[in-house]
Protein backbone atom coordinates (compact mmCIF):
# COMPACT_ATOMS: atom_id res chain seq x y z
CA UNK A 1 -35.23 -49.48 -61.85
CA UNK A 2 -34.92 -51.10 -65.28
CA UNK A 3 -35.76 -54.80 -65.64
CA UNK A 4 -32.72 -57.08 -65.56
CA UNK A 5 -31.60 -58.76 -68.77
CA UNK A 6 -28.30 -60.54 -68.02
CA UNK A 7 -27.17 -63.46 -65.86
CA UNK A 8 -24.37 -61.43 -64.29
CA UNK A 9 -26.97 -58.98 -62.98
CA UNK A 10 -28.64 -61.84 -61.14
CA UNK A 11 -25.24 -62.96 -59.84
CA UNK A 12 -24.63 -59.45 -58.51
CA UNK A 13 -27.73 -59.85 -56.35
CA UNK A 14 -27.04 -63.45 -55.33
CA UNK A 15 -23.48 -62.74 -54.26
CA UNK A 16 -24.23 -59.40 -52.64
CA UNK A 17 -23.90 -60.94 -49.17
CA UNK A 18 -20.18 -61.42 -49.82
CA UNK A 19 -19.68 -57.69 -50.24
CA UNK A 20 -21.65 -57.03 -47.06
CA UNK A 21 -19.44 -59.39 -45.10
CA UNK A 22 -16.29 -57.85 -46.56
CA UNK A 23 -17.47 -54.45 -45.30
CA UNK A 24 -18.38 -55.77 -41.84
CA UNK A 25 -15.05 -57.62 -41.52
CA UNK A 26 -13.10 -54.52 -42.53
CA UNK A 27 -14.96 -52.43 -39.96
CA UNK A 28 -14.43 -55.05 -37.27
CA UNK A 29 -10.69 -55.17 -38.04
CA UNK A 30 -10.30 -51.38 -38.14
CA UNK A 31 -9.09 -51.30 -41.73
CA UNK A 32 -10.57 -47.93 -42.74
CA UNK A 33 -9.44 -46.15 -39.59
CA UNK A 34 -5.91 -47.55 -39.99
CA UNK A 35 -5.72 -46.43 -43.63
CA UNK A 36 -6.98 -42.89 -43.04
CA UNK A 37 -4.23 -40.51 -44.04
CA UNK A 38 -1.75 -43.39 -44.21
CA UNK A 39 -1.99 -45.51 -47.40
CA UNK A 40 -0.22 -48.82 -46.93
CA UNK A 41 0.56 -52.09 -48.63
CA UNK A 42 -1.04 -55.28 -47.38
CA UNK A 43 1.99 -56.40 -45.38
CA UNK A 44 2.31 -53.10 -43.52
CA UNK A 45 -1.39 -52.96 -42.73
CA UNK A 46 -1.48 -56.61 -41.67
CA UNK A 47 1.36 -56.01 -39.20
CA UNK A 48 -0.33 -52.86 -37.88
CA UNK A 49 -3.63 -54.65 -37.24
CA UNK A 50 -2.16 -57.99 -36.15
CA UNK A 51 -3.59 -60.01 -39.04
CA UNK A 52 -2.08 -62.54 -41.44
CA UNK A 53 -0.74 -60.88 -44.59
CA UNK A 54 -2.40 -63.35 -46.98
CA UNK A 55 -5.84 -62.85 -45.45
CA UNK A 56 -5.35 -59.09 -45.35
CA UNK A 57 -4.37 -59.11 -49.02
CA UNK A 58 -7.52 -61.04 -49.90
CA UNK A 59 -9.73 -58.68 -47.86
CA UNK A 60 -8.14 -55.54 -49.32
CA UNK A 61 -8.54 -56.92 -52.84
CA UNK A 62 -12.24 -57.50 -52.18
CA UNK A 63 -12.60 -53.98 -50.76
CA UNK A 64 -10.88 -52.55 -53.84
CA UNK A 65 -13.25 -54.50 -56.08
CA UNK A 66 -16.16 -52.98 -54.19
CA UNK A 67 -14.75 -49.47 -54.53
CA UNK A 68 -14.33 -49.01 -50.79
CA UNK A 69 -10.56 -48.60 -51.13
CA UNK A 70 -8.27 -47.66 -53.99
CA UNK A 71 -4.92 -49.18 -54.86
CA UNK A 72 -1.92 -47.57 -56.51
CA UNK A 73 1.62 -48.97 -56.74
CA UNK A 74 0.69 -51.70 -54.31
CA UNK A 75 -0.57 -49.31 -51.63
CA UNK A 76 -4.19 -49.23 -50.53
CA UNK A 77 -6.03 -46.05 -49.51
CA UNK A 78 -9.55 -45.15 -48.43
CA UNK A 79 -12.09 -44.10 -51.01
CA UNK A 80 -13.71 -40.69 -50.37
CA UNK A 81 -16.84 -42.44 -49.05
CA UNK A 82 -14.82 -44.62 -46.68
CA UNK A 83 -13.01 -41.57 -45.32
CA UNK A 84 -16.25 -39.68 -44.77
CA UNK A 85 -18.43 -42.42 -43.33
CA UNK A 86 -16.36 -45.40 -42.13
CA UNK A 87 -13.40 -43.91 -40.25
CA UNK A 88 -13.74 -43.94 -36.46
CA UNK A 89 -14.31 -40.43 -35.21
CA UNK A 90 -15.12 -38.90 -38.59
CA UNK A 91 -17.91 -36.32 -38.44
CA UNK A 92 -20.36 -38.50 -40.38
CA UNK A 93 -19.05 -41.89 -39.25
CA UNK A 94 -21.76 -44.55 -39.08
CA UNK A 95 -19.45 -47.55 -39.15
CA UNK A 96 -20.54 -48.83 -35.74
CA UNK A 97 -24.16 -48.80 -36.90
CA UNK A 98 -23.23 -50.93 -39.90
CA UNK A 99 -20.84 -53.20 -38.01
CA UNK A 100 -22.98 -53.83 -34.94
CA UNK A 101 -26.66 -53.47 -35.79
CA UNK A 102 -26.66 -54.41 -39.46
CA UNK A 103 -23.76 -56.86 -39.36
CA UNK A 104 -24.37 -58.62 -36.05
CA UNK A 105 -28.16 -58.37 -35.71
CA UNK A 106 -30.13 -57.50 -38.84
CA UNK A 107 -27.99 -59.73 -41.07
CA UNK A 108 -28.83 -62.86 -39.10
CA UNK A 109 -32.50 -62.00 -38.61
CA UNK A 110 -33.02 -61.92 -42.37
CA UNK A 111 -32.45 -65.69 -42.33
CA UNK A 112 -36.01 -65.94 -41.03
CA UNK A 113 -37.57 -64.52 -44.21
CA UNK A 114 -38.28 -67.83 -45.94
CA UNK A 115 -39.99 -69.18 -42.83
CA UNK A 116 -41.98 -65.97 -42.43
CA UNK A 117 -43.24 -66.18 -46.00
CA UNK A 118 -44.38 -69.80 -45.51
CA UNK A 119 -45.66 -69.07 -41.98
CA UNK A 120 -43.40 -71.80 -40.60
CA UNK A 121 -41.54 -69.95 -37.85
CA UNK A 122 -40.13 -72.01 -34.99
CA UNK A 123 -40.65 -71.41 -31.28
CA UNK A 124 -37.34 -69.57 -30.90
CA UNK A 125 -37.95 -67.13 -33.74
CA UNK A 126 -37.92 -63.36 -33.15
CA UNK A 127 -41.32 -62.00 -34.16
CA UNK A 128 -41.43 -58.41 -32.84
CA UNK A 129 -39.33 -55.61 -31.43
CA UNK A 130 -40.95 -56.25 -28.03
CA UNK A 131 -39.76 -59.86 -28.20
CA UNK A 132 -36.30 -58.84 -29.40
CA UNK A 133 -35.79 -56.05 -26.87
CA UNK A 134 -36.85 -58.19 -23.93
CA UNK A 135 -33.22 -59.37 -23.99
CA UNK A 136 -31.15 -56.56 -22.38
CA UNK A 137 -28.00 -57.50 -24.32
CA UNK A 138 -29.79 -57.37 -27.69
CA UNK A 139 -31.52 -54.12 -26.75
CA UNK A 140 -28.17 -52.58 -25.77
CA UNK A 141 -26.37 -53.64 -28.95
CA UNK A 142 -29.19 -52.43 -31.19
CA UNK A 143 -29.80 -49.16 -29.36
CA UNK A 144 -26.17 -48.06 -29.10
CA UNK A 145 -25.52 -48.71 -32.78
CA UNK A 146 -28.85 -47.15 -33.82
CA UNK A 147 -27.95 -43.99 -31.91
CA UNK A 148 -24.89 -43.57 -34.14
CA UNK A 149 -26.98 -44.27 -37.23
CA UNK A 150 -29.73 -41.79 -36.30
CA UNK A 151 -27.63 -38.71 -35.53
CA UNK A 152 -27.11 -37.85 -39.21
CA UNK A 153 -30.81 -38.04 -40.17
CA UNK A 154 -31.70 -36.12 -36.99
CA UNK A 155 -29.37 -33.26 -37.93
CA UNK A 156 -30.75 -33.33 -41.47
CA UNK A 157 -34.30 -33.11 -40.18
CA UNK A 158 -33.63 -30.18 -37.87
CA UNK A 159 -32.14 -28.26 -40.80
CA UNK A 160 -35.24 -28.95 -42.87
CA UNK A 161 -37.82 -28.01 -40.21
CA UNK A 162 -38.85 -24.76 -38.59
CA UNK A 163 -38.99 -25.69 -34.90
CA UNK A 164 -39.72 -22.18 -33.66
CA UNK A 165 -42.77 -22.11 -31.43
CA UNK A 166 -42.56 -25.80 -30.53
CA UNK A 167 -42.48 -26.34 -26.77
CA UNK A 168 -43.41 -29.99 -26.23
CA UNK A 169 -42.44 -33.00 -28.30
CA UNK A 170 -43.36 -36.68 -28.07
CA UNK A 171 -40.84 -39.05 -29.66
CA UNK A 172 -42.66 -42.37 -30.01
CA UNK A 173 -40.21 -45.28 -30.06
CA UNK A 174 -37.40 -42.73 -29.85
CA UNK A 175 -34.66 -45.16 -28.82
CA UNK A 176 -31.70 -43.60 -27.02
CA UNK A 177 -32.82 -40.10 -27.94
CA UNK A 178 -30.78 -39.21 -31.02
CA UNK A 179 -33.67 -37.25 -32.53
CA UNK A 180 -34.92 -35.75 -29.26
CA UNK A 181 -31.42 -34.62 -28.24
CA UNK A 182 -30.74 -33.09 -31.65
CA UNK A 183 -34.12 -31.33 -31.74
CA UNK A 184 -33.69 -29.93 -28.22
CA UNK A 185 -30.22 -28.63 -28.99
CA UNK A 186 -31.62 -26.87 -32.05
CA UNK A 187 -34.62 -25.40 -30.21
CA UNK A 188 -33.75 -24.16 -26.70
CA UNK A 189 -37.42 -23.85 -25.66
CA UNK A 190 -38.29 -27.45 -26.58
CA UNK A 191 -38.81 -30.26 -24.05
CA UNK A 192 -39.31 -33.88 -25.10
CA UNK A 193 -40.81 -37.10 -23.84
CA UNK A 194 -39.48 -40.34 -25.31
CA UNK A 195 -41.80 -43.35 -25.20
CA UNK A 196 -39.67 -46.51 -25.29
CA UNK A 197 -39.23 -50.05 -23.96
CA UNK A 198 -37.66 -50.18 -20.45
CA UNK A 199 -34.38 -51.80 -21.54
CA UNK A 200 -33.87 -49.08 -24.14
CA UNK A 201 -34.95 -46.25 -21.83
CA UNK A 202 -32.35 -47.32 -19.28
CA UNK A 203 -29.65 -46.77 -21.89
CA UNK A 204 -31.20 -43.63 -23.32
CA UNK A 205 -31.12 -41.76 -20.04
CA UNK A 206 -27.31 -41.91 -20.05
CA UNK A 207 -27.20 -40.31 -23.53
CA UNK A 208 -29.60 -37.60 -22.38
CA UNK A 209 -27.52 -36.84 -19.28
CA UNK A 210 -24.31 -36.80 -21.29
CA UNK A 211 -25.90 -34.24 -23.61
CA UNK A 212 -26.76 -32.09 -20.57
CA UNK A 213 -30.48 -32.30 -21.30
CA UNK A 214 -31.73 -34.24 -18.30
CA UNK A 215 -33.98 -31.32 -17.33
CA UNK A 216 -35.65 -31.17 -20.76
CA UNK A 217 -35.88 -34.79 -21.95
CA UNK A 218 -37.66 -37.50 -20.01
CA UNK A 219 -38.56 -41.12 -20.70
CA UNK A 220 -41.94 -42.79 -20.42
CA UNK A 221 -41.36 -46.52 -20.31
CA UNK A 222 -43.72 -48.77 -22.22
CA UNK A 223 -44.78 -50.29 -25.54
CA UNK A 224 -45.93 -47.58 -27.94
CA UNK A 225 -48.78 -49.82 -29.09
CA UNK A 226 -50.15 -50.21 -25.57
CA UNK A 227 -49.18 -47.12 -23.57
CA UNK A 228 -51.18 -43.92 -23.08
CA UNK A 229 -49.52 -41.06 -24.89
CA UNK A 230 -49.15 -37.73 -23.05
CA UNK A 231 -51.35 -34.97 -24.48
CA UNK A 232 -50.58 -31.34 -25.20
CA UNK A 233 -47.82 -31.92 -27.76
CA UNK A 234 -46.58 -29.50 -30.42
CA UNK A 235 -44.64 -32.23 -32.24
CA UNK A 236 -45.16 -35.98 -32.47
CA UNK A 237 -42.27 -37.84 -34.10
CA UNK A 238 -42.45 -41.47 -35.17
CA UNK A 239 -39.14 -42.46 -36.74
CA UNK A 240 -38.71 -46.05 -37.95
CA UNK A 241 -41.82 -47.01 -35.99
CA UNK A 242 -44.25 -47.97 -38.76
CA UNK A 243 -41.85 -50.46 -40.37
CA UNK A 244 -41.49 -52.36 -37.09
CA UNK A 245 -45.14 -52.77 -36.05
CA UNK A 246 -48.10 -54.69 -37.51
CA UNK A 247 -49.55 -52.91 -40.53
CA UNK A 248 -53.02 -52.91 -39.01
CA UNK A 249 -51.73 -50.47 -36.37
CA UNK A 250 -50.70 -47.73 -38.82
CA UNK A 251 -54.02 -45.88 -39.00
CA UNK A 252 -54.49 -46.03 -35.23
CA UNK A 253 -51.03 -44.59 -34.61
CA UNK A 254 -51.82 -41.68 -36.92
CA UNK A 255 -55.13 -41.04 -35.14
CA UNK A 256 -53.43 -41.27 -31.76
CA UNK A 257 -50.88 -38.67 -32.84
CA UNK A 258 -53.70 -36.36 -33.92
CA UNK A 259 -55.44 -36.75 -30.56
CA UNK A 260 -52.43 -35.76 -28.44
CA UNK A 261 -51.34 -32.80 -30.57
CA UNK A 262 -52.22 -29.23 -29.73
CA UNK A 263 -54.06 -27.21 -32.41
CA UNK A 264 -51.44 -26.27 -34.99
CA UNK A 265 -49.19 -29.14 -33.88
CA UNK A 266 -47.34 -31.32 -36.37
CA UNK A 267 -46.85 -35.04 -36.85
CA UNK A 268 -43.59 -36.27 -38.40
CA UNK A 269 -43.35 -39.83 -39.72
CA UNK A 270 -39.89 -40.88 -40.85
CA UNK A 271 -39.53 -44.40 -42.19
CA UNK A 272 -38.73 -46.77 -45.02
CA UNK A 273 -41.35 -45.78 -47.60
CA UNK A 274 -41.61 -46.90 -51.23
CA UNK A 275 -43.20 -45.24 -54.24
CA UNK A 276 -46.86 -46.01 -54.83
CA UNK A 277 -46.07 -47.75 -58.16
CA UNK A 278 -43.96 -50.31 -56.22
CA UNK A 279 -40.82 -49.83 -58.34
CA UNK A 280 -38.62 -48.76 -55.43
CA UNK A 281 -36.53 -47.13 -54.14
CA UNK A 282 -34.53 -50.34 -53.88
CA UNK A 283 -33.02 -49.74 -50.44
CA UNK A 284 -36.36 -48.76 -48.94
CA UNK A 285 -37.96 -51.91 -50.35
CA UNK A 286 -35.15 -54.12 -49.02
CA UNK A 287 -35.38 -52.58 -45.55
CA UNK A 288 -39.11 -53.26 -45.55
CA UNK A 289 -38.36 -56.90 -46.40
CA UNK A 290 -35.78 -56.99 -43.60
CA UNK A 291 -38.36 -55.85 -41.07
CA UNK A 292 -40.88 -58.40 -42.30
CA UNK A 293 -38.33 -61.08 -41.41
CA UNK A 294 -38.74 -60.38 -37.70
CA UNK A 295 -42.09 -58.56 -37.66
CA UNK A 296 -44.23 -60.87 -39.81
CA UNK A 297 -47.30 -58.61 -39.56
CA UNK A 298 -45.37 -55.59 -40.88
CA UNK A 299 -46.76 -53.95 -44.02
CA UNK A 300 -44.96 -52.33 -46.95
CA UNK A 301 -45.67 -48.62 -46.64
CA UNK A 302 -45.98 -46.42 -49.76
CA UNK A 303 -46.05 -42.65 -50.08
CA UNK A 304 -49.55 -42.33 -51.56
CA UNK A 305 -51.19 -44.40 -48.83
CA UNK A 306 -49.34 -42.52 -46.12
CA UNK A 307 -50.43 -39.14 -47.45
CA UNK A 308 -54.04 -40.26 -47.80
CA UNK A 309 -54.07 -41.74 -44.28
CA UNK A 310 -52.81 -38.50 -42.77
CA UNK A 311 -55.50 -36.55 -44.60
CA UNK A 312 -58.21 -38.99 -43.55
CA UNK A 313 -57.19 -38.56 -39.91
CA UNK A 314 -57.76 -34.81 -40.18
CA UNK A 315 -54.24 -33.54 -40.82
CA UNK A 316 -53.77 -30.57 -43.13
CA UNK A 317 -50.81 -29.35 -45.20
CA UNK A 318 -49.82 -32.98 -45.73
CA UNK A 319 -46.67 -33.72 -47.68
CA UNK A 320 -44.52 -36.79 -48.17
CA UNK A 321 -41.02 -36.61 -49.65
CA UNK A 322 -37.51 -38.09 -49.61
CA UNK A 323 -35.41 -37.91 -46.46
CA UNK A 324 -32.40 -40.25 -46.66
CA UNK A 325 -31.90 -40.58 -50.44
CA UNK A 326 -33.22 -43.86 -51.86
CA UNK A 327 -33.97 -45.18 -48.37
CA UNK A 328 -36.41 -43.19 -46.23
CA UNK A 329 -39.15 -40.59 -46.61
CA UNK A 330 -40.58 -37.98 -44.26
CA UNK A 331 -44.33 -37.44 -43.99
CA UNK A 332 -45.65 -34.27 -42.35
CA UNK A 333 -49.10 -33.12 -41.36
CA UNK A 334 -50.49 -30.28 -39.26
CA UNK A 335 -53.50 -30.32 -36.96
CA UNK A 336 -55.85 -27.46 -37.68
CA UNK A 337 -55.22 -24.47 -35.41
């Protein structure tokens, strides 16, 4: 990204939280779903959603300024992106992920960043996923919204990978099973074990049963940093794990994956990863900062280090490349056959 030169560019960053809140409020109120296929003026939409017309007008104006809706002859309509990604029930809808996890959880946790940087966290601060997920309500809110947010990347990953020949998969920190379920649907001979905290596993089992995969996907309850990993795996997936654990654990996790893989097996690391020159991508860098806010020992992961670490652990055919554009990367390595 080019260096900034103007004051308004700084203002764009400083006031960015206002746009975030406009998006979250619109999702909470059902604005995008109500507008889908039915453009409306502010008064009509306010009546439909049970909101005051003046406040609806102000919100819609903000959404138009952000490009989330369009306006013509006084009627507001969804932008193409809003229709595709923010309408309830749309094929690629991830509105609940944004509204619940990002809006109600991640947004507030970022308030800790100044205290983390000065090492002045209070007794009630959240300092790890284990700490956070010890609260069943927080674990439920996070996990249910993350499931919605992970289905798209999971489908993308299955299209990019050749899963033929894979029989056993270990999904480390696999949440409610979005990746495991998608992988197993794509590869009928695949069975998966998900290693996850108990409060998350309790939720995940219902997703697995609903998908009709209770005979092929099982949970092992525990902390991925402390538990024994089952051996004999053809695939080991660690998605969003590295960004949420202490940086000093990264090399050990890679070695542990190598140890439990069968010869010819593959490790897949999907996470927020930045370029080695530290210039971005912007969203990946911001997500790394977000995780540092509640995992103070987290470490900013770059593509060059990740590739070198996989090679040092003994993996061959190592490659690291973009996954979710501007946000995540996928690292792959194969254990010698």
